[in-house]
Amino acid sequence: MPPADLPAAADSANFYRWPEFLAREPPTTIGIVLGSGLGDFANDLEDPIYLNYSDIPAFPVSTVEGHAGRFVHGYLHGVPVLMMQGRVHLYEGYTAHESAFPVRVMNNWGIRTLLLTNAAGGINKNFPTGDLMLIADHINLLFQNPCVGRNDPKLPRFFPMNDAYSPRLRKIVQEIDPEVRSGVYAAMLGPNYETPAEIRMLRLLGVDAVGMSTVNECIAARHLGLEVVGFSVITNATVDEDLSEEKVEHSEVVQVGKAAGPRLRSILLRLIPQI
């Protein structure tokens, strides 16, 4: 779906106008994408309203374990928040435009700040399994971009990415949790995990964590003028030795994501009122 075909995103937003959602005050301007194993954070929302992705026309539906596949709207300490429990990935057969489509829909619903979370493999050995990384920058090794194609005339054809992840919000996060460290996230296509040679390459490129998501959502959000902050939960240590018998299982990724969730939850609960 070319980005200029935004009427489809508007149609999806208009199809389910959520009288309860739109009537709530103040207006909702914060959106959160919950990655693998992190969906339980939506349980903290007060007065929740649920909407399955499958109930929205043209909306991509996740097929991956650990992704519930629905929107949840509610309140955190009185602040209205819209959460996505799960996302879609290119390895599921979706295009870059389709993977970023939910961001465009949320933009049509009034979201102005987007919090992205993911499960990632640790490339930097100083980030152990279970650690949390604040994303300072990313490298797009998906080699696809959600803004390729016809451009919406209301949006810039070319736009900077030097501040893709909001310096303002990252500063607030580091004031909340001085122990949280920043790093560079790389997105690769998947669904296979990285080979030892790829891991060594990523390390040479200065990558700290690697996953299969987030980048296209960030690009689309910045194209729309949204402020973005991102977090990676380090759910596994990558293996850079050819003969290693260590194996990565997605079920373990989900479980570690759940176990590491409380620290991220603590940060988000304190960050959201300051946005």
C-alpha atoms as a PDB file:
ATOM      1  CA  MET A   1       0.000   0.000   0.000  1.00  0.00           C
ATOM      2  CA  PRO A   2       1.718   3.230  -1.073  1.00  0.00           C
ATOM      3  CA  PRO A   3       1.821   5.900   1.611  1.00  0.00           C
ATOM      4  CA  ALA A   4      -0.248   8.260  -0.557  1.00  0.00           C
ATOM      5  CA  ASP A   5      -3.095   5.749  -0.242  1.00  0.00           C
ATOM      6  CA  LEU A   6      -3.846   7.130   3.213  1.00  0.00           C
ATOM      7  CA  PRO A   7      -7.611   7.180   2.631  1.00  0.00           C
ATOM      8  CA  ALA A   8      -7.406   3.468   3.521  1.00  0.00           C
ATOM      9  CA  ALA A   9      -5.920   4.394   6.899  1.00  0.00           C
ATOM     10  CA  ALA A  10      -8.578   7.048   7.343  1.00  0.00           C
ATOM     11  CA  ASP A  11     -11.275   4.528   6.421  1.00  0.00           C
ATOM     12  CA  SER A  12      -9.961   2.126   9.046  1.00  0.00           C
ATOM     13  CA  ALA A  13      -9.943   4.903  11.624  1.00  0.00           C
ATOM     14  CA  ASN A  14     -13.437   6.063  10.692  1.00  0.00           C
ATOM     15  CA  PHE A  15     -14.924   2.560  10.509  1.00  0.00           C
ATOM     16  CA  TYR A  16     -14.676   2.144  14.245  1.00  0.00           C
ATOM     17  CA  ARG A  17     -14.999   5.626  15.645  1.00  0.00           C
ATOM     18  CA  TRP A  18     -15.465   4.277  19.164  1.00  0.00           C
ATOM     19  CA  PRO A  19     -18.065   6.641  20.669  1.00  0.00           C
ATOM     20  CA  GLU A  20     -16.640   5.813  24.116  1.00  0.00           C
ATOM     21  CA  PHE A  21     -13.116   6.488  22.868  1.00  0.00           C
ATOM     22  CA  LEU A  22     -13.829   9.852  21.263  1.00  0.00           C
ATOM     23  CA  ALA A  23     -16.051  11.044  24.077  1.00  0.00           C
ATOM     24  CA  ARG A  24     -13.321  10.561  26.639  1.00  0.00           C
ATOM     25  CA  GLU A  25     -11.457  13.583  27.917  1.00  0.00           C
ATOM     26  CA  PRO A  26      -8.765  14.672  27.549  1.00  0.00           C
ATOM     27  CA  PRO A  27      -8.120  13.520  23.956  1.00  0.00           C
ATOM     28  CA  THR A  28      -5.776  10.562  23.562  1.00  0.00           C
ATOM     29  CA  THR A  29      -2.381  11.576  22.175  1.00  0.00           C
ATOM     30  CA  ILE A  30      -0.139   8.714  23.401  1.00  0.00           C
ATOM     31  CA  GLY A  31       0.154   5.392  21.586  1.00  0.00           C
ATOM     32  CA  ILE A  32       2.197   2.370  22.678  1.00  0.00           C
ATOM     33  CA  VAL A  33       3.181  -0.667  20.608  1.00  0.00           C
ATOM     34  CA  LEU A  34       3.754  -3.689  22.854  1.00  0.00           C
ATOM     35  CA  GLY A  35       6.189  -6.249  21.446  1.00  0.00           C
ATOM     36  CA  SER A  36       6.704  -9.965  22.058  1.00  0.00           C
ATOM     37  CA  GLY A  37       5.996 -10.932  25.653  1.00  0.00           C
ATOM     38  CA  LEU A  38       5.162  -7.354  26.675  1.00  0.00           C
ATOM     39  CA  GLY A  39       1.411  -7.352  26.084  1.00  0.00           C
ATOM     40  CA  ASP A  40       0.586  -7.756  29.783  1.00  0.00           C
ATOM     41  CA  PHE A  41       1.290  -4.064  30.315  1.00  0.00           C
ATOM     42  CA  ALA A  42      -2.175  -3.413  28.873  1.00  0.00           C
ATOM     43  CA  ASN A  43      -3.596  -5.011  32.028  1.00  0.00           C
ATOM     44  CA  ASP A  44      -2.638  -1.829  33.894  1.00  0.00           C
ATOM     45  CA  LEU A  45      -5.147   0.241  31.921  1.00  0.00           C
ATOM     46  CA  GLU A  46      -8.188   1.429  33.819  1.00  0.00           C
ATOM     47  CA  ASP A  47     -11.625   1.333  32.156  1.00  0.00           C
ATOM     48  CA  PRO A  48     -10.302  -0.536  29.086  1.00  0.00           C
ATOM     49  CA  ILE A  49     -11.994  -0.757  25.682  1.00  0.00           C
ATOM     50  CA  TYR A  50     -10.842  -3.536  23.336  1.00  0.00           C
ATOM     51  CA  LEU A  51     -10.858  -3.716  19.551  1.00  0.00           C
ATOM     52  CA  ASN A  52      -9.451  -6.678  17.632  1.00  0.00           C
ATOM     53  CA  TYR A  53      -7.375  -5.880  14.567  1.00  0.00           C
ATOM     54  CA  SER A  54      -9.437  -8.434  12.658  1.00  0.00           C
ATOM     55  CA  ASP A  55     -12.540  -6.269  13.161  1.00  0.00           C
ATOM     56  CA  ILE A  56     -11.023  -3.281  11.319  1.00  0.00           C
ATOM     57  CA  PRO A  57     -11.190  -3.225   7.488  1.00  0.00           C
ATOM     58  CA  ALA A  58      -7.807  -3.445   5.727  1.00  0.00           C
ATOM     59  CA  PHE A  59      -5.991  -3.779   9.045  1.00  0.00           C
ATOM     60  CA  PRO A  60      -3.075  -6.270   9.129  1.00  0.00           C
ATOM     61  CA  VAL A  61      -3.466  -9.079  11.656  1.00  0.00           C
ATOM     62  CA  SER A  62      -0.564 -10.581  13.616  1.00  0.00           C
ATOM     63  CA  THR A  63       0.059 -14.328  13.382  1.00  0.00           C
ATOM     64  CA  VAL A  64       2.864 -14.574  15.956  1.00  0.00           C
ATOM     65  CA  GLU A  65       2.849 -16.076  19.459  1.00  0.00           C
ATOM     66  CA  GLY A  66       2.946 -13.381  22.112  1.00  0.00           C
ATOM     67  CA  HIS A  67       0.960 -10.865  20.027  1.00  0.00           C
ATOM     68  CA  ALA A  68      -2.716 -10.688  21.047  1.00  0.00           C
ATOM     69  CA  GLY A  69      -3.661  -8.674  17.975  1.00  0.00           C
ATOM     70  CA  ARG A  70      -5.867  -5.929  19.396  1.00  0.00           C
ATOM     71  CA  PHE A  71      -6.065  -2.301  20.453  1.00  0.00           C
ATOM     72  CA  VAL A  72      -6.725  -1.461  24.077  1.00  0.00           C
ATOM     73  CA  HIS A  73      -7.744   2.042  25.131  1.00  0.00           C
ATOM     74  CA  GLY A  74      -7.782   3.104  28.755  1.00  0.00           C
ATOM     75  CA  TYR A  75      -6.173   5.271  31.417  1.00  0.00           C
ATOM     76  CA  LEU A  76      -2.860   5.216  33.268  1.00  0.00           C
ATOM     77  CA  HIS A  77      -2.950   7.506  36.304  1.00  0.00           C
ATOM     78  CA  GLY A  78      -5.680   9.483  34.579  1.00  0.00           C
ATOM     79  CA  VAL A  79      -3.796   9.807  31.286  1.00  0.00           C
ATOM     80  CA  PRO A  80      -5.616   8.326  28.253  1.00  0.00           C
ATOM     81  CA  VAL A  81      -3.460   5.841  26.340  1.00  0.00           C
ATOM     82  CA  LEU A  82      -3.994   3.698  23.242  1.00  0.00           C
ATOM     83  CA  MET A  83      -2.025   0.434  23.251  1.00  0.00           C
ATOM     84  CA  MET A  84      -1.369  -2.087  20.519  1.00  0.00           C
ATOM     85  CA  GLN A  85      -1.078  -5.603  21.915  1.00  0.00           C
ATOM     86  CA  GLY A  86       1.060  -6.987  19.134  1.00  0.00           C
ATOM     87  CA  ARG A  87       2.283  -5.871  15.731  1.00  0.00           C
ATOM     88  CA  VAL A  88       2.852  -7.382  12.305  1.00  0.00           C
ATOM     89  CA  HIS A  89       6.229  -8.139  10.767  1.00  0.00           C
ATOM     90  CA  LEU A  90       7.587  -8.323   7.254  1.00  0.00           C
ATOM     91  CA  TYR A  91       8.455 -11.996   7.724  1.00  0.00           C
ATOM     92  CA  GLU A  92       4.733 -12.739   8.057  1.00  0.00           C
ATOM     93  CA  GLY A  93       4.369 -11.716   4.423  1.00  0.00           C
ATOM     94  CA  TYR A  94       3.373  -8.113   4.995  1.00  0.00           C
ATOM     95  CA  THR A  95       4.923  -5.202   3.112  1.00  0.00           C
ATOM     96  CA  ALA A  96       6.707  -2.281   4.720  1.00  0.00           C
ATOM     97  CA  HIS A  97       3.614  -0.154   4.058  1.00  0.00           C
ATOM     98  CA  GLU A  98       1.364  -2.702   5.753  1.00  0.00           C
ATOM     99  CA  SER A  99       3.660  -3.021   8.771  1.00  0.00           C
ATOM    100  CA  ALA A 100       3.470   0.757   9.268  1.00  0.00           C
ATOM    101  CA  PHE A 101      -0.266   0.972   8.521  1.00  0.00           C
ATOM    102  CA  PRO A 102      -1.262   0.788  12.238  1.00  0.00           C
ATOM    103  CA  VAL A 103       0.870   3.872  12.925  1.00  0.00           C
ATOM    104  CA  ARG A 104      -1.012   5.785  10.236  1.00  0.00           C
ATOM    105  CA  VAL A 105      -4.338   4.690  11.710  1.00  0.00           C
ATOM    106  CA  MET A 106      -3.265   5.813  15.193  1.00  0.00           C
ATOM    107  CA  ASN A 107      -2.176   9.139  13.727  1.00  0.00           C
ATOM    108  CA  ASN A 108      -5.687   9.537  12.309  1.00  0.00           C
ATOM    109  CA  TRP A 109      -7.026   8.803  15.792  1.00  0.00           C
ATOM    110  CA  GLY A 110      -5.033  11.727  17.182  1.00  0.00           C
ATOM    111  CA  ILE A 111      -1.872  10.076  18.518  1.00  0.00           C
ATOM    112  CA  ARG A 112       1.063  12.518  18.624  1.00  0.00           C
ATOM    113  CA  THR A 113       3.592  10.517  20.681  1.00  0.00           C
ATOM    114  CA  LEU A 114       4.475   6.896  19.924  1.00  0.00           C
ATOM    115  CA  LEU A 115       6.215   4.547  22.359  1.00  0.00           C
ATOM    116  CA  LEU A 116       7.717   1.505  20.644  1.00  0.00           C
ATOM    117  CA  THR A 117       8.802  -1.663  22.451  1.00  0.00           C
ATOM    118  CA  ASN A 118      10.323  -4.880  21.179  1.00  0.00           C
ATOM    119  CA  ALA A 119      12.107  -8.063  22.126  1.00  0.00           C
ATOM    120  CA  ALA A 120      15.662  -8.119  20.801  1.00  0.00           C
ATOM    121  CA  GLY A 121      18.814 -10.177  20.748  1.00  0.00           C
ATOM    122  CA  GLY A 122      21.821  -8.716  22.516  1.00  0.00           C
ATOM    123  CA  ILE A 123      24.709  -7.957  20.162  1.00  0.00           C
ATOM    124  CA  ASN A 124      26.651  -5.866  22.650  1.00  0.00           C
ATOM    125  CA  LYS A 125      27.824  -8.314  25.302  1.00  0.00           C
ATOM    126  CA  ASN A 126      27.390  -5.603  27.928  1.00  0.00           C
ATOM    127  CA  PHE A 127      23.618  -5.995  27.524  1.00  0.00           C
ATOM    128  CA  PRO A 128      22.818  -9.317  29.238  1.00  0.00           C
ATOM    129  CA  THR A 129      19.618 -11.305  28.811  1.00  0.00           C
ATOM    130  CA  GLY A 130      16.782  -9.611  30.672  1.00  0.00           C
ATOM    131  CA  ASP A 131      18.323  -6.143  30.368  1.00  0.00           C
ATOM    132  CA  LEU A 132      16.517  -3.102  28.974  1.00  0.00           C
ATOM    133  CA  MET A 133      17.932  -0.858  26.245  1.00  0.00           C
ATOM    134  CA  LEU A 134      16.706   2.634  25.436  1.00  0.00           C
ATOM    135  CA  ILE A 135      16.906   2.983  21.653  1.00  0.00           C
ATOM    136  CA  ALA A 136      19.129   5.917  20.684  1.00  0.00           C
ATOM    137  CA  ASP A 137      19.182   5.184  16.955  1.00  0.00           C
ATOM    138  CA  HIS A 138      18.532   2.408  14.485  1.00  0.00           C
ATOM    139  CA  ILE A 139      19.929   0.774  11.363  1.00  0.00           C
ATOM    140  CA  ASN A 140      17.414  -0.389   8.767  1.00  0.00           C
ATOM    141  CA  LEU A 141      18.650  -3.765   7.529  1.00  0.00           C
ATOM    142  CA  LEU A 142      15.157  -4.701   6.372  1.00  0.00           C
ATOM    143  CA  PHE A 143      16.039  -2.804   3.192  1.00  0.00           C
ATOM    144  CA  GLN A 144      12.411  -1.757   2.883  1.00  0.00           C
ATOM    145  CA  ASN A 145      10.841   1.581   3.731  1.00  0.00           C
ATOM    146  CA  PRO A 146       7.167   2.423   4.393  1.00  0.00           C
ATOM    147  CA  CYS A 147       7.505   5.813   2.695  1.00  0.00           C
ATOM    148  CA  VAL A 148       8.568   4.513  -0.716  1.00  0.00           C
ATOM    149  CA  GLY A 149       5.974   5.288  -3.387  1.00  0.00           C
ATOM    150  CA  ARG A 150       3.577   8.165  -3.941  1.00  0.00           C
ATOM    151  CA  ASN A 151       3.729  10.750  -1.195  1.00  0.00           C
ATOM    152  CA  ASP A 152       0.837  12.423   0.576  1.00  0.00           C
ATOM    153  CA  PRO A 153       1.086  16.089  -0.532  1.00  0.00           C
ATOM    154  CA  LYS A 154       0.384  17.161   3.058  1.00  0.00           C
ATOM    155  CA  LEU A 155       3.546  15.381   4.225  1.00  0.00           C
ATOM    156  CA  PRO A 156       7.209  15.995   3.355  1.00  0.00           C
ATOM    157  CA  ARG A 157       8.668  13.952   0.505  1.00  0.00           C
ATOM    158  CA  PHE A 158      12.059  13.998   2.228  1.00  0.00           C
ATOM    159  CA  PHE A 159      12.475  14.197   5.980  1.00  0.00           C
ATOM    160  CA  PRO A 160      15.360  13.965   8.489  1.00  0.00           C
ATOM    161  CA  MET A 161      15.970  11.010  10.792  1.00  0.00           C
ATOM    162  CA  ASN A 162      18.835  12.414  12.851  1.00  0.00           C
ATOM    163  CA  ASP A 163      16.441  12.781  15.781  1.00  0.00           C
ATOM    164  CA  ALA A 164      14.309   9.719  15.046  1.00  0.00           C
ATOM    165  CA  TYR A 165      14.128   8.821  18.739  1.00  0.00           C
ATOM    166  CA  SER A 166      13.189  11.942  20.687  1.00  0.00           C
ATOM    167  CA  PRO A 167      16.131  13.408  22.635  1.00  0.00           C
ATOM    168  CA  ARG A 168      13.601  15.059  24.962  1.00  0.00           C
ATOM    169  CA  LEU A 169      11.875  11.803  25.860  1.00  0.00           C
ATOM    170  CA  ARG A 170      15.142   9.883  26.128  1.00  0.00           C
ATOM    171  CA  LYS A 171      16.398  12.458  28.619  1.00  0.00           C
ATOM    172  CA  ILE A 172      13.255  12.008  30.719  1.00  0.00           C
ATOM    173  CA  VAL A 173      13.684   8.222  30.651  1.00  0.00           C
ATOM    174  CA  GLN A 174      17.270   8.483  31.845  1.00  0.00           C
ATOM    175  CA  GLU A 175      16.197  10.800  34.658  1.00  0.00           C
ATOM    176  CA  ILE A 176      13.555   8.245  35.674  1.00  0.00           C
ATOM    177  CA  ASP A 177      16.004   5.327  35.564  1.00  0.00           C
ATOM    178  CA  PRO A 178      19.659   6.450  35.525  1.00  0.00           C
ATOM    179  CA  GLU A 179      20.722   2.804  35.159  1.00  0.00           C
ATOM    180  CA  VAL A 180      19.035   2.331  31.782  1.00  0.00           C
ATOM    181  CA  ARG A 181      21.572   2.374  28.953  1.00  0.00           C
ATOM    182  CA  SER A 182      21.132   3.575  25.402  1.00  0.00           C
ATOM    183  CA  GLY A 183      22.073   1.672  22.278  1.00  0.00           C
ATOM    184  CA  VAL A 184      21.620   1.182  18.558  1.00  0.00           C
ATOM    185  CA  TYR A 185      18.907  -1.197  17.357  1.00  0.00           C
ATOM    186  CA  ALA A 186      19.106  -2.981  14.002  1.00  0.00           C
ATOM    187  CA  ALA A 187      16.131  -4.570  12.268  1.00  0.00           C
ATOM    188  CA  MET A 188      16.623  -7.615  10.049  1.00  0.00           C
ATOM    189  CA  LEU A 189      13.979  -9.381   8.007  1.00  0.00           C
ATOM    190  CA  GLY A 190      13.814 -12.777   9.745  1.00  0.00           C
ATOM    191  CA  PRO A 191      12.098 -15.057  10.511  1.00  0.00           C
ATOM    192  CA  ASN A 192      15.364 -16.937  11.074  1.00  0.00           C
ATOM    193  CA  TYR A 193      17.660 -15.679  13.784  1.00  0.00           C
ATOM    194  CA  GLU A 194      21.052 -14.289  12.825  1.00  0.00           C
ATOM    195  CA  THR A 195      24.004 -16.379  11.705  1.00  0.00           C
ATOM    196  CA  PRO A 196      27.290 -16.069  13.622  1.00  0.00           C
ATOM    197  CA  ALA A 197      28.769 -14.134  10.680  1.00  0.00           C
ATOM    198  CA  GLU A 198      25.830 -11.716  10.700  1.00  0.00           C
ATOM    199  CA  ILE A 199      26.243 -11.191  14.430  1.00  0.00           C
ATOM    200  CA  ARG A 200      29.915 -10.363  13.973  1.00  0.00           C
ATOM    201  CA  MET A 201      28.976  -7.948  11.162  1.00  0.00           C
ATOM    202  CA  LEU A 202      26.379  -6.232  13.352  1.00  0.00           C
ATOM    203  CA  ARG A 203      28.924  -5.825  16.121  1.00  0.00           C
ATOM    204  CA  LEU A 204      31.337  -4.189  13.671  1.00  0.00           C
ATOM    205  CA  LEU A 205      28.557  -1.811  12.604  1.00  0.00           C
ATOM    206  CA  GLY A 206      28.114  -0.653  16.178  1.00  0.00           C
ATOM    207  CA  VAL A 207      24.785  -2.394  16.743  1.00  0.00           C
ATOM    208  CA  ASP A 208      23.829  -3.169  20.336  1.00  0.00           C
ATOM    209  CA  ALA A 209      20.603  -5.135  19.797  1.00  0.00           C
ATOM    210  CA  VAL A 210      18.877  -6.768  16.839  1.00  0.00           C
ATOM    211  CA  GLY A 211      15.260  -7.625  16.113  1.00  0.00           C
ATOM    212  CA  MET A 212      12.704  -7.897  13.327  1.00  0.00           C
ATOM    213  CA  SER A 213      10.435  -4.898  13.888  1.00  0.00           C
ATOM    214  CA  THR A 214      10.146  -1.283  15.088  1.00  0.00           C
ATOM    215  CA  VAL A 215      12.170   0.474  12.372  1.00  0.00           C
ATOM    216  CA  ASN A 216       9.358   0.854   9.817  1.00  0.00           C
ATOM    217  CA  GLU A 217       6.997   2.033  12.551  1.00  0.00           C
ATOM    218  CA  CYS A 218       9.516   4.663  13.616  1.00  0.00           C
ATOM    219  CA  ILE A 219      10.066   5.837  10.031  1.00  0.00           C
ATOM    220  CA  ALA A 220       6.330   6.180   9.393  1.00  0.00           C
ATOM    221  CA  ALA A 221       5.831   7.980  12.703  1.00  0.00           C
ATOM    222  CA  ARG A 222       8.568  10.498  11.986  1.00  0.00           C
ATOM    223  CA  HIS A 223       7.166  11.052   8.479  1.00  0.00           C
ATOM    224  CA  LEU A 224       3.873  11.949  10.180  1.00  0.00           C
ATOM    225  CA  GLY A 225       5.623  14.261  12.633  1.00  0.00           C
ATOM    226  CA  LEU A 226       5.078  12.075  15.703  1.00  0.00           C
ATOM    227  CA  GLU A 227       7.513  12.097  18.617  1.00  0.00           C
ATOM    228  CA  VAL A 228       9.009   8.628  19.158  1.00  0.00           C
ATOM    229  CA  VAL A 229      10.735   6.812  21.990  1.00  0.00           C
ATOM    230  CA  GLY A 230      11.752   3.150  21.805  1.00  0.00           C
ATOM    231  CA  PHE A 231      12.803   0.332  24.125  1.00  0.00           C
ATOM    232  CA  SER A 232      14.325  -3.094  23.494  1.00  0.00           C
ATOM    233  CA  VAL A 233      14.043  -5.871  26.052  1.00  0.00           C
ATOM    234  CA  ILE A 234      17.123  -8.065  25.599  1.00  0.00           C
ATOM    235  CA  THR A 235      15.506 -11.490  25.523  1.00  0.00           C
ATOM    236  CA  ASN A 236      18.444 -13.583  24.361  1.00  0.00           C
ATOM    237  CA  ALA A 237      22.181 -13.436  23.887  1.00  0.00           C
ATOM    238  CA  THR A 238      23.198 -13.821  20.260  1.00  0.00           C
ATOM    239  CA  VAL A 239      25.684 -16.550  19.397  1.00  0.00           C
ATOM    240  CA  ASP A 240      28.695 -15.584  17.298  1.00  0.00           C
ATOM    241  CA  GLU A 241      30.464 -18.948  17.342  1.00  0.00           C
ATOM    242  CA  ASP A 242      29.842 -21.217  14.359  1.00  0.00           C
ATOM    243  CA  LEU A 243      29.925 -24.468  16.338  1.00  0.00           C
ATOM    244  CA  SER A 244      27.903 -23.325  19.339  1.00  0.00           C
ATOM    245  CA  GLU A 245      25.088 -25.643  20.392  1.00  0.00           C
ATOM    246  CA  GLU A 246      23.080 -22.764  21.887  1.00  0.00           C
ATOM    247  CA  LYS A 247      19.695 -22.327  20.228  1.00  0.00           C
ATOM    248  CA  VAL A 248      17.191 -19.475  20.354  1.00  0.00           C
ATOM    249  CA  GLU A 249      13.514 -20.408  20.714  1.00  0.00           C
ATOM    250  CA  HIS A 250      10.705 -17.885  20.246  1.00  0.00           C
ATOM    251  CA  SER A 251       8.864 -19.273  23.271  1.00  0.00           C
ATOM    252  CA  GLU A 252      11.892 -18.411  25.408  1.00  0.00           C
ATOM    253  CA  VAL A 253      11.973 -14.913  23.905  1.00  0.00           C
ATOM    254  CA  VAL A 254       8.347 -14.410  24.959  1.00  0.00           C
ATOM    255  CA  GLN A 255       8.998 -15.711  28.481  1.00  0.00           C
ATOM    256  CA  VAL A 256      12.043 -13.481  29.020  1.00  0.00           C
ATOM    257  CA  GLY A 257      10.057 -10.532  27.679  1.00  0.00           C
ATOM    258  CA  LYS A 258       7.406 -11.176  30.317  1.00  0.00           C
ATOM    259  CA  ALA A 259      10.014 -11.538  33.057  1.00  0.00           C
ATOM    260  CA  ALA A 260      11.757  -8.301  32.072  1.00  0.00           C
ATOM    261  CA  GLY A 261       8.478  -6.446  31.692  1.00  0.00           C
ATOM    262  CA  PRO A 262       8.240  -5.009  35.251  1.00  0.00           C
ATOM    263  CA  ARG A 263      11.242  -2.707  34.802  1.00  0.00           C
ATOM    264  CA  LEU A 264       9.878  -1.370  31.514  1.00  0.00           C
ATOM    265  CA  ARG A 265       6.442  -1.053  33.087  1.00  0.00           C
ATOM    266  CA  SER A 266       7.904   0.979  35.949  1.00  0.00           C
ATOM    267  CA  ILE A 267       9.570   3.375  33.514  1.00  0.00           C
ATOM    268  CA  LEU A 268       6.482   3.776  31.334  1.00  0.00           C
ATOM    269  CA  LEU A 269       4.212   4.434  34.304  1.00  0.00           C
ATOM    270  CA  ARG A 270       6.451   7.346  35.284  1.00  0.00           C
ATOM    271  CA  LEU A 271       7.178   8.517  31.735  1.00  0.00           C
ATOM    272  CA  ILE A 272       3.610   8.764  30.440  1.00  0.00           C
ATOM    273  CA  PRO A 273       2.450  11.520  32.847  1.00  0.00           C
ATOM    274  CA  GLN A 274       5.480  13.601  31.776  1.00  0.00           C
ATOM    275  CA  ILE A 275       4.792  13.396  28.050  1.00  0.00           C
END
